[in-house]
Each structure stands twice: as structure tokens, then as C-alpha cells.
Amino acid sequence: MKKVFLALSVLIAASLACNFATGGGSDPGPAPQSGVKVMYQDDFSDTNSGWPVAADADKAANYSDGKYLMQAFTANQDVWAHPGETFSDVSIEVDATKFSGPDNNDFGVICRFVDDDNFYFMIIASDGYQVIGKYLAGQLQYVSATEMQTSGAVKQGDATNHLRGDCVGSTLTLYVNGQQVASVTDTSFVTGDIGLTVGTFDDPNAAVTFDNFVVNEPH
């Protein structure tokens, strides 16, 4: 299904009447892996760390209790946010937890974000699905499968899932809770920003919190 992506990044300078940032927590985040170069990390305890804080009738994002809360209020839309970095090969890890809303949602990581119409995404759903996809010239395409696939690696409901998305050369690989669930070769994008995404299908009001976001140099 074609969904409408709505960028949070364009709202940074907007009036934030619905802003409900509550400050950071004390979680120090994960320790770097031995021998792995950390290129970027954020445990969202600093509310000025550079991620969009914005809200309107369709979407919202805020730092909330030491995590980053993203919300998609309307049906059949996705929302993304990115901090304004540039990388080529990356291994992105994050802890993601459904905060509220339907299990029929989607959420995950973004790599090689060129602009609002061109980027890769690696997502799961709280009802146990996963897929790797891209937006190319504004058109959504799943690339690891023709539709989202079920996976026993995904913890369903309100459970926290640890996601890892590798973008290395032309290979994209998604891991969920330490298990590889999808891999595909694609050559559309070679560099760009990293980010996070949350979305809905037929049911509105998806909300997901993210914590311990780390971008490692692949090894």
C-alpha cells in the first residue's frame, strides 16, 4: 500500500504549541562493542542533542523521559526524523518499544537518507512483521520482499525490540533481537543521513519510543 511519508525535520522552526518534551533520563546507553568504532550515538537524555521536536495534527516527536517518542496520528502514513549527519557504510542499532496504539504499525531505522523522497528503511511491526524497503523518487518500494514478512524474532505487543540495520556497500541487512531476518542487495543510494521512522496502516495513532541509538562502523 502506498503510504504518505511526512517529514518531521521540516517542522523544526514551526510553532510548537503541542511540544511536550519532558527532559532526559539517566540511562547512559549501551557500552561500545570491543574493537568497534562508534561514529554516532544518542541515548536521548539530552533534549538538545539535535533531533527534531515538533508536532502538528498528523505527527509529533519529542524527547520524553530519556527516550525519543515518535507518533503518527493518521492512518496510512509514516513519519521520520533524522539528526543531520552524513555516512556511507553504517551499522545502526536502537531499542524500540511500542508506546501506544495498534500492533498493526511499523517502525525502525533509516539509512542513506538523501532527501524526503530518497532513502532506505528497515522496519518491523508490533504484530510480528518485518521488511527492508526504500523510497526512490518519492515512490515506496519494498526490496527484501514484495510485502512485509512474518518473523518469530520480533517480540510482539508492547515489548522492546533491539533493531540493527546494516548498510554496507550494496548490501542491506536487518537484524531483530540478534537474529538476521532480511538481507538484500540494492544500489540506489551510497551515502546520506541516518534516522528513525514510525508509521500506521489502516489503524491510526501509532506511538513508539526509541532509546540507545548507536551508529557503528561496520566490521
C-alpha atoms as a PDB file:
ATOM      1  CA  MET A   1       0.000   0.000   0.000  1.00  0.00           C
ATOM      2  CA  LYS A   2       1.251   3.457  -0.863  1.00  0.00           C
ATOM      3  CA  LYS A   3       1.673   5.485   2.280  1.00  0.00           C
ATOM      4  CA  VAL A   4       2.299   9.185   2.752  1.00  0.00           C
ATOM      5  CA  PHE A   5       5.599   9.989   4.439  1.00  0.00           C
ATOM      6  CA  LEU A   6       5.566  13.180   6.484  1.00  0.00           C
ATOM      7  CA  ALA A   7       8.959  14.557   7.486  1.00  0.00           C
ATOM      8  CA  LEU A   8       9.356  15.894  10.996  1.00  0.00           C
ATOM      9  CA  SER A   9      12.554  17.668  10.048  1.00  0.00           C
ATOM     10  CA  VAL A  10      10.641  20.347   8.144  1.00  0.00           C
ATOM     11  CA  LEU A  11       8.792  21.375  11.315  1.00  0.00           C
ATOM     12  CA  ILE A  12      11.787  22.288  13.444  1.00  0.00           C
ATOM     13  CA  ALA A  13      11.248  26.022  13.062  1.00  0.00           C
ATOM     14  CA  ALA A  14       7.468  25.840  13.333  1.00  0.00           C
ATOM     15  CA  SER A  15       5.392  26.947  16.306  1.00  0.00           C
ATOM     16  CA  LEU A  16       5.409  24.101  18.806  1.00  0.00           C
ATOM     17  CA  ALA A  17       2.164  24.596  20.708  1.00  0.00           C
ATOM     18  CA  CYS A  18       1.942  20.840  21.274  1.00  0.00           C
ATOM     19  CA  ASN A  19       5.532  20.414  22.391  1.00  0.00           C
ATOM     20  CA  PHE A  20       5.655  18.178  25.466  1.00  0.00           C
ATOM     21  CA  ALA A  21       9.357  17.430  25.886  1.00  0.00           C
ATOM     22  CA  THR A  22       9.985  16.308  29.444  1.00  0.00           C
ATOM     23  CA  GLY A  23      13.750  16.215  29.641  1.00  0.00           C
ATOM     24  CA  GLY A  24      16.238  13.389  29.637  1.00  0.00           C
ATOM     25  CA  GLY A  25      16.750  10.377  31.830  1.00  0.00           C
ATOM     26  CA  SER A  26      19.796   8.879  33.485  1.00  0.00           C
ATOM     27  CA  ASP A  27      20.262   5.899  31.160  1.00  0.00           C
ATOM     28  CA  PRO A  28      23.899   6.019  29.996  1.00  0.00           C
ATOM     29  CA  GLY A  29      23.154   3.897  26.928  1.00  0.00           C
ATOM     30  CA  PRO A  30      24.954   0.779  25.740  1.00  0.00           C
ATOM     31  CA  ALA A  31      28.680   0.346  26.146  1.00  0.00           C
ATOM     32  CA  PRO A  32      30.576   0.387  22.834  1.00  0.00           C
ATOM     33  CA  GLN A  33      31.410  -3.054  21.494  1.00  0.00           C
ATOM     34  CA  SER A  34      35.038  -4.019  21.865  1.00  0.00           C
ATOM     35  CA  GLY A  35      37.008  -3.104  18.760  1.00  0.00           C
ATOM     36  CA  VAL A  36      34.061  -1.325  17.113  1.00  0.00           C
ATOM     37  CA  LYS A  37      34.290   2.348  16.159  1.00  0.00           C
ATOM     38  CA  VAL A  38      31.235   4.307  17.262  1.00  0.00           C
ATOM     39  CA  MET A  39      30.516   7.002  14.681  1.00  0.00           C
ATOM     40  CA  TYR A  40      27.412   8.479  16.330  1.00  0.00           C
ATOM     41  CA  GLN A  41      25.290   7.748  19.384  1.00  0.00           C
ATOM     42  CA  ASP A  42      22.418   9.239  21.345  1.00  0.00           C
ATOM     43  CA  ASP A  43      20.622   7.916  24.408  1.00  0.00           C
ATOM     44  CA  PHE A  44      18.192  10.859  24.193  1.00  0.00           C
ATOM     45  CA  SER A  45      18.958  12.051  27.726  1.00  0.00           C
ATOM     46  CA  ASP A  46      19.970  15.466  26.322  1.00  0.00           C
ATOM     47  CA  THR A  47      16.923  17.218  24.892  1.00  0.00           C
ATOM     48  CA  ASN A  48      19.194  19.454  22.819  1.00  0.00           C
ATOM     49  CA  SER A  49      21.060  16.654  21.068  1.00  0.00           C
ATOM     50  CA  GLY A  50      19.760  17.620  17.634  1.00  0.00           C
ATOM     51  CA  TRP A  51      16.700  15.513  16.809  1.00  0.00           C
ATOM     52  CA  PRO A  52      13.501  17.272  15.646  1.00  0.00           C
ATOM     53  CA  VAL A  53      10.999  18.339  18.301  1.00  0.00           C
ATOM     54  CA  ALA A  54       7.720  19.188  16.612  1.00  0.00           C
ATOM     55  CA  ALA A  55       4.007  18.466  16.452  1.00  0.00           C
ATOM     56  CA  ASP A  56       1.005  19.060  14.240  1.00  0.00           C
ATOM     57  CA  ALA A  57      -2.307  17.340  13.505  1.00  0.00           C
ATOM     58  CA  ASP A  58      -0.637  14.423  11.712  1.00  0.00           C
ATOM     59  CA  LYS A  59       2.544  13.701  13.648  1.00  0.00           C
ATOM     60  CA  ALA A  60       4.768  14.517  16.594  1.00  0.00           C
ATOM     61  CA  ALA A  61       8.206  13.869  18.020  1.00  0.00           C
ATOM     62  CA  ASN A  62       9.636  14.744  21.415  1.00  0.00           C
ATOM     63  CA  TYR A  63      12.277  13.764  23.875  1.00  0.00           C
ATOM     64  CA  SER A  64      10.318  12.054  26.641  1.00  0.00           C
ATOM     65  CA  ASP A  65      11.683  10.572  29.868  1.00  0.00           C
ATOM     66  CA  GLY A  66      15.120   9.947  28.411  1.00  0.00           C
ATOM     67  CA  LYS A  67      13.796   8.447  25.180  1.00  0.00           C
ATOM     68  CA  TYR A  68      12.669   9.742  21.788  1.00  0.00           C
ATOM     69  CA  LEU A  69       8.914   9.444  21.232  1.00  0.00           C
ATOM     70  CA  MET A  70       7.551   9.487  17.676  1.00  0.00           C
ATOM     71  CA  GLN A  71       3.849   9.471  16.843  1.00  0.00           C
ATOM     72  CA  ALA A  72       1.821   9.051  13.641  1.00  0.00           C
ATOM     73  CA  PHE A  73      -1.745  10.178  14.253  1.00  0.00           C
ATOM     74  CA  THR A  74      -3.460   9.417  10.947  1.00  0.00           C
ATOM     75  CA  ALA A  75      -3.956   6.166   9.048  1.00  0.00           C
ATOM     76  CA  ASN A  76      -1.706   5.012   6.209  1.00  0.00           C
ATOM     77  CA  GLN A  77       1.168   7.372   6.817  1.00  0.00           C
ATOM     78  CA  ASP A  78       4.735   7.199   8.027  1.00  0.00           C
ATOM     79  CA  VAL A  79       6.762   9.804   9.878  1.00  0.00           C
ATOM     80  CA  TRP A  80      10.528  10.003  10.036  1.00  0.00           C
ATOM     81  CA  ALA A  81      13.158  12.059  11.809  1.00  0.00           C
ATOM     82  CA  HIS A  82      16.891  12.414  11.275  1.00  0.00           C
ATOM     83  CA  PRO A  83      19.665  14.340  13.077  1.00  0.00           C
ATOM     84  CA  GLY A  84      21.503  15.826  10.105  1.00  0.00           C
ATOM     85  CA  GLU A  85      24.535  13.563   9.662  1.00  0.00           C
ATOM     86  CA  THR A  86      26.180  12.014   6.605  1.00  0.00           C
ATOM     87  CA  PHE A  87      27.514   8.466   6.435  1.00  0.00           C
ATOM     88  CA  SER A  88      28.133   5.788   3.835  1.00  0.00           C
ATOM     89  CA  ASP A  89      28.565   2.323   5.380  1.00  0.00           C
ATOM     90  CA  VAL A  90      26.880   2.019   8.785  1.00  0.00           C
ATOM     91  CA  SER A  91      25.581  -0.451  11.327  1.00  0.00           C
ATOM     92  CA  ILE A  92      22.667   1.201  13.161  1.00  0.00           C
ATOM     93  CA  GLU A  93      21.311  -0.151  16.458  1.00  0.00           C
ATOM     94  CA  VAL A  94      18.396   1.031  18.574  1.00  0.00           C
ATOM     95  CA  ASP A  95      15.951  -0.209  21.213  1.00  0.00           C
ATOM     96  CA  ALA A  96      12.345   0.371  20.112  1.00  0.00           C
ATOM     97  CA  THR A  97       9.208  -0.036  22.222  1.00  0.00           C
ATOM     98  CA  LYS A  98       5.562   0.412  21.283  1.00  0.00           C
ATOM     99  CA  PHE A  99       4.294   3.245  23.490  1.00  0.00           C
ATOM    100  CA  SER A 100       0.639   3.130  22.463  1.00  0.00           C
ATOM    101  CA  GLY A 101      -1.653   2.419  19.542  1.00  0.00           C
ATOM    102  CA  PRO A 102      -2.239  -0.623  17.331  1.00  0.00           C
ATOM    103  CA  ASP A 103       0.070  -3.595  16.879  1.00  0.00           C
ATOM    104  CA  ASN A 104      -0.578  -3.143  13.160  1.00  0.00           C
ATOM    105  CA  ASN A 105       2.091  -0.437  12.936  1.00  0.00           C
ATOM    106  CA  ASP A 106       5.614  -0.106  11.579  1.00  0.00           C
ATOM    107  CA  PHE A 107       8.819   1.340  13.000  1.00  0.00           C
ATOM    108  CA  GLY A 108      12.547   1.096  12.544  1.00  0.00           C
ATOM    109  CA  VAL A 109      15.717   2.700  11.255  1.00  0.00           C
ATOM    110  CA  ILE A 110      16.656   4.713   8.180  1.00  0.00           C
ATOM    111  CA  CYS A 111      19.988   4.842   6.387  1.00  0.00           C
ATOM    112  CA  ARG A 112      21.367   6.772   3.404  1.00  0.00           C
ATOM    113  CA  PHE A 113      18.707   9.442   3.687  1.00  0.00           C
ATOM    114  CA  VAL A 114      19.353  11.685   0.677  1.00  0.00           C
ATOM    115  CA  ASP A 115      16.172  13.761   0.895  1.00  0.00           C
ATOM    116  CA  ASP A 116      12.488  13.324   1.694  1.00  0.00           C
ATOM    117  CA  ASP A 117      11.973  11.250  -1.474  1.00  0.00           C
ATOM    118  CA  ASN A 118      15.082   9.036  -1.434  1.00  0.00           C
ATOM    119  CA  PHE A 119      16.256   6.758   1.395  1.00  0.00           C
ATOM    120  CA  TYR A 120      16.337   3.193   2.744  1.00  0.00           C
ATOM    121  CA  PHE A 121      14.249   1.981   5.690  1.00  0.00           C
ATOM    122  CA  MET A 122      14.337  -1.234   7.742  1.00  0.00           C
ATOM    123  CA  ILE A 123      11.172  -1.765   9.753  1.00  0.00           C
ATOM    124  CA  ILE A 124       9.241  -4.175  11.932  1.00  0.00           C
ATOM    125  CA  ALA A 125       5.666  -4.202  13.228  1.00  0.00           C
ATOM    126  CA  SER A 126       4.335  -4.948  16.702  1.00  0.00           C
ATOM    127  CA  ASP A 127       2.283  -7.818  15.277  1.00  0.00           C
ATOM    128  CA  GLY A 128       5.417  -9.664  14.166  1.00  0.00           C
ATOM    129  CA  TYR A 129       6.313  -8.475  10.664  1.00  0.00           C
ATOM    130  CA  GLN A 130       9.493  -7.097   9.070  1.00  0.00           C
ATOM    131  CA  VAL A 131      10.796  -5.750   5.751  1.00  0.00           C
ATOM    132  CA  ILE A 132      13.553  -3.692   4.124  1.00  0.00           C
ATOM    133  CA  GLY A 133      12.429  -1.008   1.712  1.00  0.00           C
ATOM    134  CA  LYS A 134      13.227   2.310   0.112  1.00  0.00           C
ATOM    135  CA  TYR A 135      11.712   5.486  -1.162  1.00  0.00           C
ATOM    136  CA  LEU A 136      13.006   6.183  -4.659  1.00  0.00           C
ATOM    137  CA  ALA A 137      11.905   9.420  -6.331  1.00  0.00           C
ATOM    138  CA  GLY A 138       9.051   9.571  -3.853  1.00  0.00           C
ATOM    139  CA  GLN A 139       7.758   6.048  -4.526  1.00  0.00           C
ATOM    140  CA  LEU A 140       7.672   3.459  -1.744  1.00  0.00           C
ATOM    141  CA  GLN A 141       9.142   0.089  -2.668  1.00  0.00           C
ATOM    142  CA  TYR A 142       9.741  -2.981  -0.521  1.00  0.00           C
ATOM    143  CA  VAL A 143      13.027  -4.526  -1.655  1.00  0.00           C
ATOM    144  CA  SER A 144      13.597  -7.571   0.567  1.00  0.00           C
ATOM    145  CA  ALA A 145      10.135  -8.955  -0.271  1.00  0.00           C
ATOM    146  CA  THR A 146       7.004  -7.862  -2.096  1.00  0.00           C
ATOM    147  CA  GLU A 147       5.229  -7.348   1.242  1.00  0.00           C
ATOM    148  CA  MET A 148       6.075  -7.396   4.936  1.00  0.00           C
ATOM    149  CA  GLN A 149       7.038 -10.887   6.137  1.00  0.00           C
ATOM    150  CA  THR A 150       6.311 -12.556   9.474  1.00  0.00           C
ATOM    151  CA  SER A 151       9.256 -13.258  11.771  1.00  0.00           C
ATOM    152  CA  GLY A 152       9.472 -15.104  15.065  1.00  0.00           C
ATOM    153  CA  ALA A 153      12.379 -12.861  16.030  1.00  0.00           C
ATOM    154  CA  VAL A 154      10.031  -9.899  16.544  1.00  0.00           C
ATOM    155  CA  LYS A 155       8.695  -9.532  20.082  1.00  0.00           C
ATOM    156  CA  GLN A 156       5.047  -8.591  19.700  1.00  0.00           C
ATOM    157  CA  GLY A 157       2.844  -6.119  21.540  1.00  0.00           C
ATOM    158  CA  ASP A 158       4.428  -3.618  23.911  1.00  0.00           C
ATOM    159  CA  ALA A 159       7.741  -5.487  24.208  1.00  0.00           C
ATOM    160  CA  THR A 160      11.059  -3.789  23.465  1.00  0.00           C
ATOM    161  CA  ASN A 161      12.825  -4.939  20.294  1.00  0.00           C
ATOM    162  CA  HIS A 162      16.515  -4.375  19.626  1.00  0.00           C
ATOM    163  CA  LEU A 163      16.943  -3.474  15.964  1.00  0.00           C
ATOM    164  CA  ARG A 164      20.110  -3.441  13.906  1.00  0.00           C
ATOM    165  CA  GLY A 165      20.240  -2.266  10.322  1.00  0.00           C
ATOM    166  CA  ASP A 166      23.450  -2.653   8.313  1.00  0.00           C
ATOM    167  CA  CYS A 167      24.025  -0.671   5.123  1.00  0.00           C
ATOM    168  CA  VAL A 168      27.353  -1.899   3.797  1.00  0.00           C
ATOM    169  CA  GLY A 169      28.224  -1.386   0.164  1.00  0.00           C
ATOM    170  CA  SER A 170      25.207  -2.538  -1.812  1.00  0.00           C
ATOM    171  CA  THR A 171      24.018  -4.946   0.905  1.00  0.00           C
ATOM    172  CA  LEU A 172      21.232  -4.065   3.348  1.00  0.00           C
ATOM    173  CA  THR A 173      20.648  -6.383   6.314  1.00  0.00           C
ATOM    174  CA  LEU A 174      18.092  -6.242   9.118  1.00  0.00           C
ATOM    175  CA  TYR A 175      18.576  -7.947  12.469  1.00  0.00           C
ATOM    176  CA  VAL A 176      15.920  -8.173  15.187  1.00  0.00           C
ATOM    177  CA  ASN A 177      16.949  -9.137  18.716  1.00  0.00           C
ATOM    178  CA  GLY A 178      20.217 -10.548  17.408  1.00  0.00           C
ATOM    179  CA  GLN A 179      18.705 -12.609  14.585  1.00  0.00           C
ATOM    180  CA  GLN A 180      19.102 -11.793  10.903  1.00  0.00           C
ATOM    181  CA  VAL A 181      15.616 -11.560   9.403  1.00  0.00           C
ATOM    182  CA  ALA A 182      16.203  -9.975   5.978  1.00  0.00           C
ATOM    183  CA  SER A 183      19.009  -9.126   3.576  1.00  0.00           C
ATOM    184  CA  VAL A 184      19.004  -7.700   0.067  1.00  0.00           C
ATOM    185  CA  THR A 185      21.291  -6.059  -2.485  1.00  0.00           C
ATOM    186  CA  ASP A 186      20.375  -2.607  -3.807  1.00  0.00           C
ATOM    187  CA  THR A 187      22.483   0.124  -5.411  1.00  0.00           C
ATOM    188  CA  SER A 188      20.137   3.123  -5.335  1.00  0.00           C
ATOM    189  CA  PHE A 189      21.910   5.141  -2.621  1.00  0.00           C
ATOM    190  CA  VAL A 190      25.510   5.193  -1.413  1.00  0.00           C
ATOM    191  CA  THR A 191      25.528   7.880   1.287  1.00  0.00           C
ATOM    192  CA  GLY A 192      23.206  10.007   3.406  1.00  0.00           C
ATOM    193  CA  ASP A 193      21.762  10.652   6.849  1.00  0.00           C
ATOM    194  CA  ILE A 194      20.598   8.114   9.402  1.00  0.00           C
ATOM    195  CA  GLY A 195      17.231   8.252  11.156  1.00  0.00           C
ATOM    196  CA  LEU A 196      14.135   6.709  12.698  1.00  0.00           C
ATOM    197  CA  THR A 197      10.631   6.077  11.390  1.00  0.00           C
ATOM    198  CA  VAL A 198       7.176   5.245  12.770  1.00  0.00           C
ATOM    199  CA  GLY A 199       4.058   4.583  10.736  1.00  0.00           C
ATOM    200  CA  THR A 200       0.483   3.375  10.518  1.00  0.00           C
ATOM    201  CA  PHE A 201      -1.553   1.227   8.169  1.00  0.00           C
ATOM    202  CA  ASP A 202      -5.369   1.191   8.408  1.00  0.00           C
ATOM    203  CA  ASP A 203      -5.358   1.940  12.151  1.00  0.00           C
ATOM    204  CA  PRO A 204      -4.243   5.423  13.302  1.00  0.00           C
ATOM    205  CA  ASN A 205      -2.341   6.651  16.354  1.00  0.00           C
ATOM    206  CA  ALA A 206       0.898   4.671  16.408  1.00  0.00           C
ATOM    207  CA  ALA A 207       3.440   5.775  19.009  1.00  0.00           C
ATOM    208  CA  VAL A 208       6.907   4.275  19.576  1.00  0.00           C
ATOM    209  CA  THR A 209       9.797   5.233  21.846  1.00  0.00           C
ATOM    210  CA  PHE A 210      13.445   4.816  20.856  1.00  0.00           C
ATOM    211  CA  ASP A 211      16.483   4.567  23.102  1.00  0.00           C
ATOM    212  CA  ASN A 212      20.203   3.784  22.885  1.00  0.00           C
ATOM    213  CA  PHE A 213      20.636   4.794  19.261  1.00  0.00           C
ATOM    214  CA  VAL A 214      24.140   3.897  18.073  1.00  0.00           C
ATOM    215  CA  VAL A 215      25.797   4.068  14.655  1.00  0.00           C
ATOM    216  CA  ASN A 216      28.830   1.798  14.434  1.00  0.00           C
ATOM    217  CA  GLU A 217      31.401   1.453  11.714  1.00  0.00           C
ATOM    218  CA  PRO A 218      30.707  -1.959  10.145  1.00  0.00           C
ATOM    219  CA  HIS A 219      33.280  -4.656  10.880  1.00  0.00           C
END
